[in-house]
Amino acid sequence: MTVALMWEARASEGRGEDLLAWARAQELPRAPLRRETFRAPQDRVLVLTWWDEPFDAELPELAEPGDELISRAVHRWRFESVAVG
């Protein structure tokens, strides 16, 4: 089963590039199958990681950045793949 973890944060005013750089620099204790980093309007940063693990497995996740980088708490979701293509 493939599980995707989604991590999304919104940067503090004027800190979008800093948050993006922070997210890209974060290393996980083990490598996922795939990892992608996105940015969106309003200085939002999204990181998706894919894992070949059961849905409820213990998986490494990105941490919370420092309060100076974010305007609200990080949002996290876990998804199970049901179709490809």
Protein backbone atom coordinates (compact mmCIF):
# COMPACT_ATOMS: atom_id res chain seq x y z
CA MET A 1 0.00 0.00 0.00
CA THR A 2 1.23 3.49 -0.77
CA VAL A 3 0.61 6.19 1.81
CA ALA A 4 1.14 9.89 1.16
CA LEU A 5 1.84 12.39 3.91
CA MET A 6 0.96 16.01 3.27
CA TRP A 7 2.57 18.86 5.22
CA GLU A 8 1.37 22.42 4.56
CA ALA A 9 2.34 25.72 6.17
CA ARG A 10 1.67 29.40 5.56
CA ALA A 11 4.58 31.76 6.00
CA SER A 12 4.61 34.86 8.14
CA GLU A 13 4.38 38.13 6.20
CA GLY A 14 7.34 38.44 3.85
CA ARG A 15 8.86 35.08 4.86
CA GLY A 16 7.65 32.86 1.99
CA GLU A 17 11.09 32.28 0.48
CA ASP A 18 12.54 31.59 3.93
CA LEU A 19 9.85 29.00 4.69
CA LEU A 20 10.36 27.37 1.30
CA ALA A 21 14.13 27.16 1.89
CA TRP A 22 13.55 25.77 5.40
CA ALA A 23 11.20 23.05 4.13
CA ARG A 24 13.55 22.04 1.31
CA ALA A 25 16.49 21.77 3.73
CA GLN A 26 14.71 19.44 6.16
CA GLU A 27 16.04 15.89 6.10
CA LEU A 28 13.98 12.94 7.25
CA PRO A 29 15.58 10.07 9.21
CA ARG A 30 14.82 7.78 6.27
CA ALA A 31 14.04 8.43 2.65
CA PRO A 32 10.48 8.21 1.29
CA LEU A 33 9.71 6.64 -2.09
CA ARG A 34 9.17 10.15 -3.40
CA ARG A 35 9.16 13.70 -2.06
CA GLU A 36 7.87 16.86 -3.74
CA THR A 37 7.81 20.44 -2.53
CA PHE A 38 5.34 23.04 -3.83
CA ARG A 39 4.56 26.70 -3.25
CA ALA A 40 1.24 28.49 -3.63
CA PRO A 41 -0.22 32.00 -3.32
CA GLN A 42 -0.26 33.58 0.13
CA ASP A 43 3.24 32.20 0.79
CA ARG A 44 2.05 28.65 1.39
CA VAL A 45 4.47 25.71 1.20
CA LEU A 46 3.38 22.11 0.66
CA VAL A 47 5.51 18.98 1.01
CA LEU A 48 4.21 15.58 -0.08
CA THR A 49 6.02 12.35 0.74
CA TRP A 50 5.08 8.85 -0.45
CA TRP A 51 5.76 5.68 1.54
CA ASP A 52 5.37 1.96 0.86
CA GLU A 53 3.90 1.36 4.31
CA PRO A 54 0.57 0.57 5.98
CA PHE A 55 -1.73 3.55 6.55
CA ASP A 56 -1.16 3.57 10.32
CA ALA A 57 2.64 3.02 10.18
CA GLU A 58 5.00 5.25 12.16
CA LEU A 59 6.43 7.54 9.49
CA PRO A 60 8.84 10.45 9.74
CA GLU A 61 7.30 13.85 9.17
CA LEU A 62 8.64 17.36 8.77
CA ALA A 63 8.76 19.28 12.03
CA GLU A 64 7.08 22.56 12.90
CA PRO A 65 9.21 25.48 11.71
CA GLY A 66 9.98 28.24 14.18
CA ASP A 67 7.12 30.60 15.01
CA GLU A 68 8.93 33.43 13.20
CA LEU A 69 8.48 31.58 9.88
CA ILE A 70 4.80 30.65 10.06
CA SER A 71 1.54 32.55 10.49
CA ARG A 72 -0.45 29.55 11.77
CA ALA A 73 0.08 25.96 12.86
CA VAL A 74 1.23 23.47 10.22
CA HIS A 75 -1.52 21.34 8.67
CA ARG A 76 -0.86 17.62 8.20
CA TRP A 77 -2.90 14.94 6.46
CA ARG A 78 -2.32 11.31 5.57
CA PHE A 79 -3.78 9.75 2.41
CA GLU A 80 -4.00 6.23 1.03
CA SER A 81 -3.49 5.74 -2.70
CA VAL A 82 -6.50 4.21 -4.46
CA ALA A 83 -5.55 4.69 -8.13
CA VAL A 84 -2.63 5.78 -10.27
CA GLY A 85 -2.99 7.39 -13.68
